[in-house]
Amino acid sequence: MGFILLSGLGGLVACSPSPPDSPTPTASAELETVQETPQPPSEAELWSRLQNAEQEDVTYVVLLRHAIAPGTGDPDNFQLGDCTTQRNLSQAGRQQARDIGEAFRSRNIPVKQVFSSQWCRCLDTAELLNLGTVEPLPSLNSFFENRSQATEQTQQTQDFLLEKEHPSGVLIFVSHQVNIQALSGVSPRSGEAVVLDVNGELEVLGRIL
């Protein structure tokens, strides 16, 4: 008894020894069992998908990490409603947020809604995009200092995306590195975005910006 490894099919298949007179499999025959892994879309392809979301009647989600805010976490005296107690966008971060908004406008991306963490650096990023009214969404709030909230908040965001009816087009979620990584498995840099396809389940398509 022997085993054949089927590349791309994730397993070993038992087989009987070949009879003495059986022909030796050719290289071309062996290659027929290999399934190519689809290449992820390029950044240009992702922008094109976002542009055509309305025409194709699909909803895409752009998980955008807030723009540049020097430092890590927040000060010990952090208060949610007081920006002076938080880590905030630098001038470079504020310009980065404006540039991101222009990247969407210049490509005529059909942004339908903008949601944001209640942290000031996210709200400021979302407002500076100038892509529409910003709606705070508590499940996008950072759990960097309280990882026990990670599972619950991530599930709340998933439920919001999958259980609510959303318009065809693009939704922008401005959040934090820990939230985006928990939701998508991708750790974005400041001002980088992860694109998801919302079609009964969340599918990570790639990164832009």
N, C-alpha and C. Protein backbone atom coordinates (compact mmCIF):
# COMPACT_ATOMS: atom_id res chain seq x y z
N MET A 1 0.85 -1.20 0.00
CA MET A 1 0.00 0.00 0.00
C MET A 1 0.88 1.23 0.00
N GLY A 2 0.57 2.22 -0.84
CA GLY A 2 1.33 3.46 -0.89
C GLY A 2 0.41 4.65 -0.76
N PHE A 3 1.00 5.84 -0.82
CA PHE A 3 0.23 7.07 -0.70
C PHE A 3 0.66 8.04 -1.78
N ILE A 4 -0.30 8.80 -2.29
CA ILE A 4 -0.03 9.85 -3.26
C ILE A 4 -0.42 11.17 -2.62
N LEU A 5 0.48 12.12 -2.62
CA LEU A 5 0.18 13.46 -2.12
C LEU A 5 -0.42 14.28 -3.25
N LEU A 6 -1.67 14.74 -3.06
CA LEU A 6 -2.33 15.55 -4.07
C LEU A 6 -2.10 17.01 -3.72
N SER A 7 -1.22 17.68 -4.44
CA SER A 7 -0.91 19.09 -4.16
C SER A 7 -2.14 19.94 -4.40
N GLY A 8 -2.42 20.82 -3.42
CA GLY A 8 -3.56 21.71 -3.54
C GLY A 8 -4.85 21.11 -3.04
N LEU A 9 -4.86 19.77 -2.77
CA LEU A 9 -6.07 19.12 -2.30
C LEU A 9 -5.96 18.74 -0.83
N GLY A 10 -4.78 18.99 -0.23
CA GLY A 10 -4.62 18.91 1.21
C GLY A 10 -4.76 17.53 1.79
N GLY A 11 -4.21 16.49 1.17
CA GLY A 11 -4.33 15.20 1.81
C GLY A 11 -3.51 14.14 1.13
N LEU A 12 -3.43 12.97 1.80
CA LEU A 12 -2.77 11.80 1.26
C LEU A 12 -3.85 10.80 0.89
N VAL A 13 -3.71 10.18 -0.27
CA VAL A 13 -4.68 9.21 -0.74
C VAL A 13 -4.01 7.86 -0.85
N ALA A 14 -4.60 6.86 -0.21
CA ALA A 14 -4.04 5.52 -0.26
C ALA A 14 -4.26 4.92 -1.63
N CYS A 15 -3.29 4.12 -2.09
CA CYS A 15 -3.44 3.47 -3.38
C CYS A 15 -2.75 2.12 -3.35
N SER A 16 -3.20 1.22 -4.22
CA SER A 16 -2.58 -0.10 -4.32
C SER A 16 -1.36 -0.01 -5.20
N PRO A 17 -0.38 -0.90 -5.00
CA PRO A 17 0.80 -0.89 -5.87
C PRO A 17 0.41 -1.12 -7.32
N SER A 18 1.10 -0.50 -8.24
CA SER A 18 0.81 -0.67 -9.66
C SER A 18 1.16 -2.08 -10.10
N PRO A 19 0.29 -2.69 -10.92
CA PRO A 19 0.64 -4.00 -11.48
C PRO A 19 1.95 -3.91 -12.24
N PRO A 20 2.66 -5.03 -12.35
CA PRO A 20 3.98 -5.02 -13.01
C PRO A 20 3.97 -4.42 -14.40
N ASP A 21 2.88 -4.67 -15.17
CA ASP A 21 2.85 -4.20 -16.55
C ASP A 21 2.23 -2.81 -16.68
N SER A 22 1.86 -2.18 -15.55
CA SER A 22 1.23 -0.86 -15.65
C SER A 22 2.24 0.16 -16.13
N PRO A 23 1.82 1.07 -17.03
CA PRO A 23 2.75 2.10 -17.51
C PRO A 23 3.08 3.08 -16.40
N THR A 24 4.30 3.59 -16.43
CA THR A 24 4.72 4.59 -15.45
C THR A 24 4.03 5.91 -15.77
N PRO A 25 3.41 6.56 -14.76
CA PRO A 25 2.74 7.85 -15.05
C PRO A 25 3.72 8.86 -15.61
N THR A 26 3.27 9.59 -16.59
CA THR A 26 4.13 10.62 -17.19
C THR A 26 4.09 11.88 -16.34
N ALA A 27 5.07 12.77 -16.57
CA ALA A 27 5.12 14.02 -15.83
C ALA A 27 3.87 14.85 -16.10
N SER A 28 3.41 14.83 -17.37
CA SER A 28 2.24 15.63 -17.72
C SER A 28 1.00 15.12 -17.02
N ALA A 29 0.90 13.80 -16.85
CA ALA A 29 -0.25 13.23 -16.16
C ALA A 29 -0.24 13.62 -14.69
N GLU A 30 0.95 13.62 -14.09
CA GLU A 30 1.05 13.99 -12.68
C GLU A 30 0.67 15.45 -12.48
N LEU A 31 1.04 16.31 -13.42
CA LEU A 31 0.75 17.73 -13.29
C LEU A 31 -0.73 18.02 -13.35
N GLU A 32 -1.50 17.11 -13.96
CA GLU A 32 -2.93 17.33 -14.07
C GLU A 32 -3.62 17.32 -12.71
N THR A 33 -2.97 16.72 -11.69
CA THR A 33 -3.58 16.67 -10.36
C THR A 33 -3.32 17.94 -9.56
N VAL A 34 -2.45 18.82 -10.04
CA VAL A 34 -2.09 20.03 -9.31
C VAL A 34 -3.10 21.14 -9.62
N GLN A 35 -3.67 21.72 -8.58
CA GLN A 35 -4.60 22.83 -8.75
C GLN A 35 -3.90 24.13 -8.38
N GLU A 36 -3.91 25.07 -9.28
CA GLU A 36 -3.26 26.35 -9.03
C GLU A 36 -4.05 27.17 -8.01
N THR A 37 -3.33 27.79 -7.08
CA THR A 37 -3.94 28.69 -6.12
C THR A 37 -4.20 30.03 -6.79
N PRO A 38 -5.45 30.53 -6.75
CA PRO A 38 -5.73 31.82 -7.40
C PRO A 38 -4.87 32.93 -6.80
N GLN A 39 -4.38 33.79 -7.67
CA GLN A 39 -3.59 34.92 -7.21
C GLN A 39 -4.52 35.98 -6.62
N PRO A 40 -4.14 36.60 -5.51
CA PRO A 40 -4.98 37.67 -4.96
C PRO A 40 -5.01 38.85 -5.92
N PRO A 41 -6.09 39.61 -5.93
CA PRO A 41 -6.16 40.76 -6.84
C PRO A 41 -5.10 41.80 -6.51
N SER A 42 -4.62 42.46 -7.54
CA SER A 42 -3.65 43.54 -7.35
C SER A 42 -4.37 44.76 -6.75
N GLU A 43 -3.59 45.75 -6.32
CA GLU A 43 -4.21 46.96 -5.78
C GLU A 43 -5.06 47.65 -6.84
N ALA A 44 -4.56 47.68 -8.08
CA ALA A 44 -5.34 48.29 -9.16
C ALA A 44 -6.67 47.56 -9.37
N GLU A 45 -6.63 46.24 -9.27
CA GLU A 45 -7.86 45.45 -9.43
C GLU A 45 -8.83 45.71 -8.28
N LEU A 46 -8.29 45.89 -7.08
CA LEU A 46 -9.15 46.18 -5.93
C LEU A 46 -9.85 47.53 -6.10
N TRP A 47 -9.11 48.53 -6.55
CA TRP A 47 -9.73 49.83 -6.80
C TRP A 47 -10.82 49.71 -7.86
N SER A 48 -10.56 48.90 -8.88
CA SER A 48 -11.55 48.72 -9.94
C SER A 48 -12.83 48.06 -9.40
N ARG A 49 -12.65 47.09 -8.52
CA ARG A 49 -13.83 46.44 -7.91
C ARG A 49 -14.64 47.44 -7.09
N LEU A 50 -13.94 48.28 -6.34
CA LEU A 50 -14.64 49.28 -5.54
C LEU A 50 -15.39 50.25 -6.44
N GLN A 51 -14.77 50.64 -7.54
CA GLN A 51 -15.42 51.57 -8.48
C GLN A 51 -16.72 51.00 -9.02
N ASN A 52 -16.75 49.69 -9.26
CA ASN A 52 -17.88 49.06 -9.93
C ASN A 52 -18.86 48.39 -8.98
N ALA A 53 -18.74 48.67 -7.69
CA ALA A 53 -19.56 47.98 -6.70
C ALA A 53 -21.06 48.18 -6.94
N GLU A 54 -21.46 49.41 -7.23
CA GLU A 54 -22.89 49.68 -7.45
C GLU A 54 -23.42 48.95 -8.66
N GLN A 55 -22.69 49.05 -9.79
CA GLN A 55 -23.14 48.40 -11.02
C GLN A 55 -23.24 46.89 -10.85
N GLU A 56 -22.33 46.33 -10.06
CA GLU A 56 -22.32 44.88 -9.87
C GLU A 56 -23.19 44.44 -8.69
N ASP A 57 -23.84 45.41 -8.04
CA ASP A 57 -24.76 45.12 -6.93
C ASP A 57 -24.08 44.32 -5.82
N VAL A 58 -22.90 44.77 -5.42
CA VAL A 58 -22.18 44.12 -4.33
C VAL A 58 -21.79 45.18 -3.29
N THR A 59 -21.49 44.71 -2.09
CA THR A 59 -21.06 45.59 -1.01
C THR A 59 -19.64 45.23 -0.61
N TYR A 60 -18.78 46.22 -0.61
CA TYR A 60 -17.41 46.03 -0.13
C TYR A 60 -17.22 46.87 1.13
N VAL A 61 -16.39 46.36 2.02
CA VAL A 61 -16.05 47.07 3.25
C VAL A 61 -14.57 47.40 3.21
N VAL A 62 -14.24 48.65 3.48
CA VAL A 62 -12.86 49.09 3.57
C VAL A 62 -12.55 49.31 5.05
N LEU A 63 -11.72 48.42 5.62
CA LEU A 63 -11.29 48.55 7.01
C LEU A 63 -10.04 49.43 7.03
N LEU A 64 -10.21 50.67 7.40
CA LEU A 64 -9.12 51.64 7.35
C LEU A 64 -8.56 51.89 8.74
N ARG A 65 -7.27 51.64 8.91
CA ARG A 65 -6.64 52.01 10.17
C ARG A 65 -6.48 53.53 10.19
N HIS A 66 -6.73 54.13 11.34
CA HIS A 66 -6.60 55.59 11.47
C HIS A 66 -5.25 56.07 10.94
N ALA A 67 -5.19 57.31 10.55
CA ALA A 67 -3.96 57.89 10.01
C ALA A 67 -2.89 58.04 11.10
N ILE A 68 -1.75 58.55 10.72
CA ILE A 68 -0.56 58.58 11.59
C ILE A 68 -0.85 59.31 12.90
N ALA A 69 -0.64 58.59 14.00
CA ALA A 69 -0.80 59.14 15.35
C ALA A 69 0.39 58.62 16.16
N PRO A 70 1.44 59.39 16.29
CA PRO A 70 2.67 58.90 16.93
C PRO A 70 2.44 58.32 18.32
N GLY A 71 3.16 57.23 18.60
CA GLY A 71 3.05 56.60 19.91
C GLY A 71 2.33 55.27 19.83
N THR A 72 2.04 54.72 21.02
CA THR A 72 1.35 53.43 21.13
C THR A 72 0.31 53.52 22.23
N GLY A 73 -0.86 52.96 21.98
CA GLY A 73 -1.89 52.97 23.01
C GLY A 73 -2.35 54.38 23.33
N ASP A 74 -2.74 54.59 24.59
CA ASP A 74 -3.22 55.89 25.03
C ASP A 74 -2.66 56.21 26.41
N PRO A 75 -2.62 57.49 26.80
CA PRO A 75 -2.14 57.87 28.13
C PRO A 75 -2.96 57.23 29.24
N ASP A 76 -2.39 57.17 30.44
CA ASP A 76 -3.07 56.56 31.58
C ASP A 76 -4.35 57.29 31.95
N ASN A 77 -4.40 58.58 31.66
CA ASN A 77 -5.59 59.37 32.03
C ASN A 77 -6.62 59.43 30.90
N PHE A 78 -6.55 58.47 29.98
CA PHE A 78 -7.45 58.42 28.82
C PHE A 78 -8.92 58.53 29.24
N GLN A 79 -9.65 59.39 28.54
CA GLN A 79 -11.10 59.49 28.67
C GLN A 79 -11.70 59.53 27.28
N LEU A 80 -12.73 58.73 27.06
CA LEU A 80 -13.29 58.57 25.72
C LEU A 80 -13.76 59.89 25.11
N GLY A 81 -14.39 60.75 25.90
CA GLY A 81 -14.94 61.97 25.34
C GLY A 81 -14.03 63.17 25.37
N ASP A 82 -12.77 62.97 25.76
CA ASP A 82 -11.84 64.09 25.90
C ASP A 82 -10.59 63.85 25.06
N CYS A 83 -10.52 64.50 23.92
CA CYS A 83 -9.40 64.28 22.99
C CYS A 83 -8.06 64.67 23.59
N THR A 84 -8.06 65.59 24.57
CA THR A 84 -6.79 66.01 25.17
C THR A 84 -6.15 64.91 25.99
N THR A 85 -6.90 63.87 26.31
CA THR A 85 -6.35 62.75 27.10
C THR A 85 -5.96 61.58 26.21
N GLN A 86 -6.04 61.74 24.89
CA GLN A 86 -5.82 60.63 23.97
C GLN A 86 -4.59 60.86 23.09
N ARG A 87 -4.15 59.78 22.47
CA ARG A 87 -3.13 59.88 21.42
C ARG A 87 -3.83 60.34 20.15
N ASN A 88 -3.36 61.40 19.56
CA ASN A 88 -4.07 62.02 18.44
C ASN A 88 -3.24 62.05 17.16
N LEU A 89 -3.90 62.40 16.08
CA LEU A 89 -3.22 62.52 14.79
C LEU A 89 -2.18 63.63 14.83
N SER A 90 -1.06 63.38 14.20
CA SER A 90 -0.07 64.44 13.98
C SER A 90 -0.51 65.25 12.77
N GLN A 91 0.20 66.34 12.49
CA GLN A 91 -0.10 67.11 11.28
C GLN A 91 0.07 66.24 10.03
N ALA A 92 1.08 65.38 10.06
CA ALA A 92 1.28 64.46 8.93
C ALA A 92 0.10 63.50 8.82
N GLY A 93 -0.42 63.06 9.96
CA GLY A 93 -1.57 62.17 9.95
C GLY A 93 -2.82 62.85 9.42
N ARG A 94 -3.01 64.09 9.78
CA ARG A 94 -4.17 64.83 9.29
C ARG A 94 -4.11 65.00 7.76
N GLN A 95 -2.92 65.29 7.25
CA GLN A 95 -2.76 65.40 5.80
C GLN A 95 -2.93 64.05 5.14
N GLN A 96 -2.43 63.00 5.79
CA GLN A 96 -2.59 61.66 5.24
C GLN A 96 -4.07 61.32 5.09
N ALA A 97 -4.88 61.66 6.09
CA ALA A 97 -6.31 61.38 6.02
C ALA A 97 -6.96 62.14 4.86
N ARG A 98 -6.58 63.39 4.68
CA ARG A 98 -7.12 64.16 3.53
C ARG A 98 -6.73 63.50 2.21
N ASP A 99 -5.50 63.04 2.12
CA ASP A 99 -5.02 62.42 0.89
C ASP A 99 -5.77 61.11 0.61
N ILE A 100 -6.08 60.37 1.66
CA ILE A 100 -6.83 59.12 1.49
C ILE A 100 -8.22 59.43 0.93
N GLY A 101 -8.86 60.45 1.49
CA GLY A 101 -10.17 60.84 0.97
C GLY A 101 -10.10 61.22 -0.49
N GLU A 102 -9.06 61.94 -0.87
CA GLU A 102 -8.90 62.34 -2.27
C GLU A 102 -8.68 61.13 -3.17
N ALA A 103 -7.99 60.11 -2.65
CA ALA A 103 -7.76 58.89 -3.43
C ALA A 103 -9.09 58.22 -3.78
N PHE A 104 -10.05 58.28 -2.87
CA PHE A 104 -11.38 57.71 -3.15
C PHE A 104 -12.17 58.60 -4.10
N ARG A 105 -12.13 59.90 -3.88
CA ARG A 105 -12.89 60.81 -4.75
C ARG A 105 -12.36 60.80 -6.17
N SER A 106 -11.05 60.80 -6.33
CA SER A 106 -10.47 60.86 -7.67
C SER A 106 -10.78 59.62 -8.49
N ARG A 107 -11.11 58.53 -7.82
CA ARG A 107 -11.46 57.29 -8.50
C ARG A 107 -12.97 57.07 -8.57
N ASN A 108 -13.72 58.03 -8.10
CA ASN A 108 -15.18 57.94 -8.11
C ASN A 108 -15.68 56.68 -7.40
N ILE A 109 -15.11 56.41 -6.24
CA ILE A 109 -15.55 55.25 -5.46
C ILE A 109 -16.90 55.57 -4.81
N PRO A 110 -17.91 54.71 -5.00
CA PRO A 110 -19.25 54.99 -4.46
C PRO A 110 -19.34 54.68 -2.97
N VAL A 111 -18.81 55.59 -2.15
CA VAL A 111 -18.85 55.41 -0.69
C VAL A 111 -20.26 55.72 -0.20
N LYS A 112 -20.88 54.75 0.46
CA LYS A 112 -22.25 54.90 0.92
C LYS A 112 -22.35 55.31 2.38
N GLN A 113 -21.44 54.80 3.21
CA GLN A 113 -21.47 55.11 4.63
C GLN A 113 -20.06 55.09 5.19
N VAL A 114 -19.83 55.93 6.21
CA VAL A 114 -18.55 55.95 6.90
C VAL A 114 -18.82 55.73 8.39
N PHE A 115 -18.23 54.67 8.94
CA PHE A 115 -18.37 54.35 10.35
C PHE A 115 -17.00 54.49 11.01
N SER A 116 -17.01 54.81 12.32
CA SER A 116 -15.74 55.05 12.98
C SER A 116 -15.77 54.61 14.44
N SER A 117 -14.61 54.19 14.91
CA SER A 117 -14.37 54.07 16.35
C SER A 117 -14.65 55.43 16.99
N GLN A 118 -14.96 55.41 18.28
CA GLN A 118 -15.23 56.65 19.00
C GLN A 118 -13.95 57.34 19.49
N TRP A 119 -12.79 56.74 19.26
CA TRP A 119 -11.52 57.37 19.61
C TRP A 119 -11.31 58.59 18.71
N CYS A 120 -10.73 59.65 19.26
CA CYS A 120 -10.58 60.90 18.51
C CYS A 120 -9.74 60.73 17.25
N ARG A 121 -8.69 59.92 17.31
CA ARG A 121 -7.82 59.78 16.13
C ARG A 121 -8.56 59.08 14.98
N CYS A 122 -9.55 58.25 15.31
CA CYS A 122 -10.35 57.62 14.27
C CYS A 122 -11.43 58.57 13.76
N LEU A 123 -12.12 59.23 14.68
CA LEU A 123 -13.14 60.20 14.26
C LEU A 123 -12.54 61.31 13.42
N ASP A 124 -11.36 61.79 13.82
CA ASP A 124 -10.70 62.84 13.03
C ASP A 124 -10.32 62.32 11.64
N THR A 125 -9.79 61.10 11.59
CA THR A 125 -9.46 60.51 10.29
C THR A 125 -10.70 60.43 9.42
N ALA A 126 -11.79 59.92 9.99
CA ALA A 126 -13.03 59.74 9.23
C ALA A 126 -13.58 61.08 8.74
N GLU A 127 -13.53 62.10 9.58
CA GLU A 127 -14.03 63.43 9.17
C GLU A 127 -13.15 64.04 8.09
N LEU A 128 -11.83 63.88 8.24
CA LEU A 128 -10.91 64.48 7.27
C LEU A 128 -10.96 63.79 5.91
N LEU A 129 -11.47 62.56 5.86
CA LEU A 129 -11.67 61.91 4.56
C LEU A 129 -12.64 62.72 3.71
N ASN A 130 -13.62 63.33 4.37
CA ASN A 130 -14.63 64.13 3.69
C ASN A 130 -15.37 63.30 2.63
N LEU A 131 -15.80 62.12 3.07
CA LEU A 131 -16.50 61.21 2.16
C LEU A 131 -17.95 60.97 2.57
N GLY A 132 -18.42 61.73 3.54
CA GLY A 132 -19.80 61.57 3.98
C GLY A 132 -19.91 61.69 5.49
N THR A 133 -21.15 61.68 5.95
CA THR A 133 -21.42 61.78 7.39
C THR A 133 -20.79 60.60 8.12
N VAL A 134 -20.15 60.89 9.25
CA VAL A 134 -19.47 59.85 10.03
C VAL A 134 -20.38 59.38 11.15
N GLU A 135 -20.57 58.07 11.23
CA GLU A 135 -21.39 57.48 12.29
C GLU A 135 -20.50 56.68 13.24
N PRO A 136 -20.45 57.04 14.53
CA PRO A 136 -19.65 56.27 15.49
C PRO A 136 -20.23 54.86 15.65
N LEU A 137 -19.34 53.87 15.73
CA LEU A 137 -19.74 52.48 15.90
C LEU A 137 -18.89 51.89 17.03
N PRO A 138 -19.46 51.71 18.23
CA PRO A 138 -18.68 51.31 19.40
C PRO A 138 -17.88 50.02 19.24
N SER A 139 -18.36 49.09 18.41
CA SER A 139 -17.61 47.84 18.26
C SER A 139 -16.27 48.05 17.57
N LEU A 140 -16.08 49.22 16.95
CA LEU A 140 -14.79 49.54 16.32
C LEU A 140 -13.82 50.19 17.30
N ASN A 141 -14.26 50.43 18.54
CA ASN A 141 -13.38 51.03 19.54
C ASN A 141 -12.20 50.12 19.86
N SER A 142 -11.08 50.71 20.18
CA SER A 142 -9.87 49.94 20.45
C SER A 142 -10.00 49.08 21.71
N PHE A 143 -9.54 47.83 21.60
CA PHE A 143 -9.42 46.98 22.79
C PHE A 143 -7.95 46.68 23.09
N PHE A 144 -7.08 47.58 22.62
CA PHE A 144 -5.63 47.41 22.85
C PHE A 144 -5.31 47.28 24.33
N GLU A 145 -5.97 48.06 25.17
CA GLU A 145 -5.70 48.04 26.61
C GLU A 145 -6.57 47.04 27.35
N ASN A 146 -7.53 46.43 26.67
CA ASN A 146 -8.44 45.48 27.31
C ASN A 146 -8.75 44.35 26.34
N ARG A 147 -7.81 43.43 26.20
CA ARG A 147 -7.94 42.37 25.20
C ARG A 147 -9.10 41.42 25.50
N SER A 148 -9.62 41.46 26.73
CA SER A 148 -10.76 40.59 27.05
C SER A 148 -12.00 40.97 26.23
N GLN A 149 -12.00 42.17 25.65
CA GLN A 149 -13.13 42.62 24.83
C GLN A 149 -13.01 42.21 23.37
N ALA A 150 -11.88 41.63 23.00
CA ALA A 150 -11.60 41.36 21.58
C ALA A 150 -12.66 40.48 20.93
N THR A 151 -12.95 39.34 21.55
CA THR A 151 -13.89 38.40 20.94
C THR A 151 -15.28 39.00 20.80
N GLU A 152 -15.76 39.64 21.86
CA GLU A 152 -17.11 40.21 21.84
C GLU A 152 -17.23 41.32 20.81
N GLN A 153 -16.27 42.23 20.79
CA GLN A 153 -16.36 43.35 19.84
C GLN A 153 -16.20 42.89 18.40
N THR A 154 -15.31 41.94 18.17
CA THR A 154 -15.13 41.42 16.81
C THR A 154 -16.41 40.76 16.33
N GLN A 155 -17.06 40.00 17.21
CA GLN A 155 -18.32 39.35 16.84
C GLN A 155 -19.40 40.39 16.56
N GLN A 156 -19.43 41.45 17.35
CA GLN A 156 -20.41 42.52 17.13
C GLN A 156 -20.22 43.17 15.76
N THR A 157 -18.97 43.39 15.38
CA THR A 157 -18.70 43.98 14.06
C THR A 157 -19.09 43.03 12.95
N GLN A 158 -18.77 41.75 13.11
CA GLN A 158 -19.17 40.75 12.12
C GLN A 158 -20.69 40.70 11.98
N ASP A 159 -21.38 40.69 13.11
CA ASP A 159 -22.85 40.65 13.06
C ASP A 159 -23.41 41.89 12.38
N PHE A 160 -22.82 43.04 12.65
CA PHE A 160 -23.27 44.27 12.02
C PHE A 160 -23.13 44.17 10.50
N LEU A 161 -22.05 43.58 10.05
CA LEU A 161 -21.80 43.48 8.61
C LEU A 161 -22.67 42.43 7.95
N LEU A 162 -22.88 41.31 8.62
CA LEU A 162 -23.54 40.18 7.98
C LEU A 162 -25.04 40.12 8.22
N GLU A 163 -25.52 40.70 9.31
CA GLU A 163 -26.93 40.57 9.65
C GLU A 163 -27.76 41.79 9.26
N LYS A 164 -27.10 42.93 9.04
CA LYS A 164 -27.82 44.12 8.59
C LYS A 164 -27.81 44.18 7.07
N GLU A 165 -28.83 44.81 6.53
CA GLU A 165 -28.86 45.01 5.07
C GLU A 165 -28.11 46.29 4.74
N HIS A 166 -27.15 46.18 3.85
CA HIS A 166 -26.33 47.33 3.47
C HIS A 166 -26.53 47.65 1.99
N PRO A 167 -26.39 48.91 1.61
CA PRO A 167 -26.55 49.28 0.21
C PRO A 167 -25.40 48.77 -0.64
N SER A 168 -25.67 48.57 -1.91
CA SER A 168 -24.58 48.25 -2.83
C SER A 168 -23.63 49.43 -2.89
N GLY A 169 -22.35 49.13 -2.87
CA GLY A 169 -21.36 50.20 -2.87
C GLY A 169 -20.28 49.90 -1.85
N VAL A 170 -19.71 50.94 -1.28
CA VAL A 170 -18.56 50.79 -0.39
C VAL A 170 -18.86 51.39 0.98
N LEU A 171 -18.57 50.61 2.01
CA LEU A 171 -18.65 51.08 3.39
C LEU A 171 -17.24 51.26 3.91
N ILE A 172 -16.98 52.35 4.61
CA ILE A 172 -15.67 52.57 5.19
C ILE A 172 -15.77 52.48 6.71
N PHE A 173 -14.94 51.62 7.29
CA PHE A 173 -14.86 51.46 8.75
C PHE A 173 -13.49 51.96 9.19
N VAL A 174 -13.45 53.03 9.96
CA VAL A 174 -12.18 53.56 10.47
C VAL A 174 -11.98 53.01 11.88
N SER A 175 -10.90 52.28 12.08
CA SER A 175 -10.70 51.61 13.36
C SER A 175 -9.21 51.54 13.69
N HIS A 176 -8.85 50.54 14.50
CA HIS A 176 -7.51 50.41 15.05
C HIS A 176 -6.86 49.12 14.57
N GLN A 177 -5.54 49.06 14.69
CA GLN A 177 -4.78 47.90 14.24
C GLN A 177 -5.30 46.60 14.86
N VAL A 178 -5.54 46.61 16.18
CA VAL A 178 -5.95 45.37 16.85
C VAL A 178 -7.32 44.91 16.36
N ASN A 179 -8.23 45.84 16.14
CA ASN A 179 -9.56 45.48 15.68
C ASN A 179 -9.53 44.92 14.27
N ILE A 180 -8.78 45.59 13.40
CA ILE A 180 -8.72 45.15 12.01
C ILE A 180 -8.04 43.79 11.90
N GLN A 181 -6.99 43.58 12.67
CA GLN A 181 -6.31 42.29 12.64
C GLN A 181 -7.21 41.18 13.15
N ALA A 182 -7.97 41.44 14.21
CA ALA A 182 -8.87 40.43 14.74
C ALA A 182 -9.96 40.07 13.74
N LEU A 183 -10.41 41.04 12.97
CA LEU A 183 -11.50 40.82 12.02
C LEU A 183 -11.03 40.19 10.72
N SER A 184 -9.82 40.56 10.28
CA SER A 184 -9.37 40.15 8.94
C SER A 184 -8.13 39.27 8.92
N GLY A 185 -7.38 39.24 10.03
CA GLY A 185 -6.12 38.52 10.04
C GLY A 185 -4.98 39.32 9.46
N VAL A 186 -5.23 40.57 9.09
CA VAL A 186 -4.22 41.44 8.48
C VAL A 186 -3.89 42.57 9.46
N SER A 187 -2.60 42.85 9.63
CA SER A 187 -2.16 43.93 10.50
C SER A 187 -1.74 45.12 9.64
N PRO A 188 -2.60 46.12 9.48
CA PRO A 188 -2.29 47.24 8.58
C PRO A 188 -1.44 48.31 9.27
N ARG A 189 -0.69 49.04 8.48
CA ARG A 189 0.03 50.19 9.00
C ARG A 189 -0.95 51.38 9.07
N SER A 190 -0.53 52.45 9.68
CA SER A 190 -1.39 53.64 9.79
C SER A 190 -1.78 54.13 8.40
N GLY A 191 -3.08 54.33 8.20
CA GLY A 191 -3.56 54.82 6.91
C GLY A 191 -3.69 53.75 5.84
N GLU A 192 -3.43 52.51 6.18
CA GLU A 192 -3.59 51.41 5.21
C GLU A 192 -4.96 50.77 5.41
N ALA A 193 -5.51 50.21 4.34
CA ALA A 193 -6.86 49.65 4.39
C ALA A 193 -6.88 48.20 3.91
N VAL A 194 -7.77 47.43 4.51
CA VAL A 194 -8.03 46.05 4.11
C VAL A 194 -9.42 46.01 3.48
N VAL A 195 -9.54 45.41 2.31
CA VAL A 195 -10.81 45.36 1.59
C VAL A 195 -11.47 44.00 1.82
N LEU A 196 -12.74 44.04 2.23
CA LEU A 196 -13.53 42.83 2.43
C LEU A 196 -14.70 42.81 1.46
N ASP A 197 -15.04 41.61 1.01
CA ASP A 197 -16.26 41.39 0.24
C ASP A 197 -17.32 40.87 1.21
N VAL A 198 -18.48 41.50 1.24
CA VAL A 198 -19.57 41.07 2.13
C VAL A 198 -20.61 40.38 1.26
N ASN A 199 -20.62 39.06 1.29
CA ASN A 199 -21.53 38.31 0.43
C ASN A 199 -21.97 37.05 1.17
N GLY A 200 -22.66 37.26 2.28
CA GLY A 200 -23.06 36.13 3.12
C GLY A 200 -21.97 35.71 4.08
N GLU A 201 -20.75 36.08 3.79
CA GLU A 201 -19.61 35.86 4.66
C GLU A 201 -18.59 36.95 4.35
N LEU A 202 -17.61 37.09 5.24
CA LEU A 202 -16.59 38.12 5.04
C LEU A 202 -15.37 37.50 4.36
N GLU A 203 -15.03 38.00 3.20
CA GLU A 203 -13.87 37.51 2.45
C GLU A 203 -12.84 38.62 2.32
N VAL A 204 -11.63 38.35 2.79
CA VAL A 204 -10.55 39.33 2.67
C VAL A 204 -10.01 39.30 1.24
N LEU A 205 -10.05 40.44 0.57
CA LEU A 205 -9.60 40.51 -0.82
C LEU A 205 -8.17 41.02 -0.95
N GLY A 206 -7.75 41.90 -0.05
CA GLY A 206 -6.39 42.43 -0.14
C GLY A 206 -6.30 43.79 0.52
N ARG A 207 -5.20 44.50 0.24
CA ARG A 207 -4.93 45.80 0.85
C ARG A 207 -4.84 46.89 -0.22
N ILE A 208 -5.21 48.09 0.20
CA ILE A 208 -5.00 49.27 -0.64
C ILE A 208 -4.37 50.37 0.22
N LEU A 209 -3.86 51.37 -0.46
CA LEU A 209 -3.23 52.53 0.17
C LEU A 209 -1.91 52.11 0.80
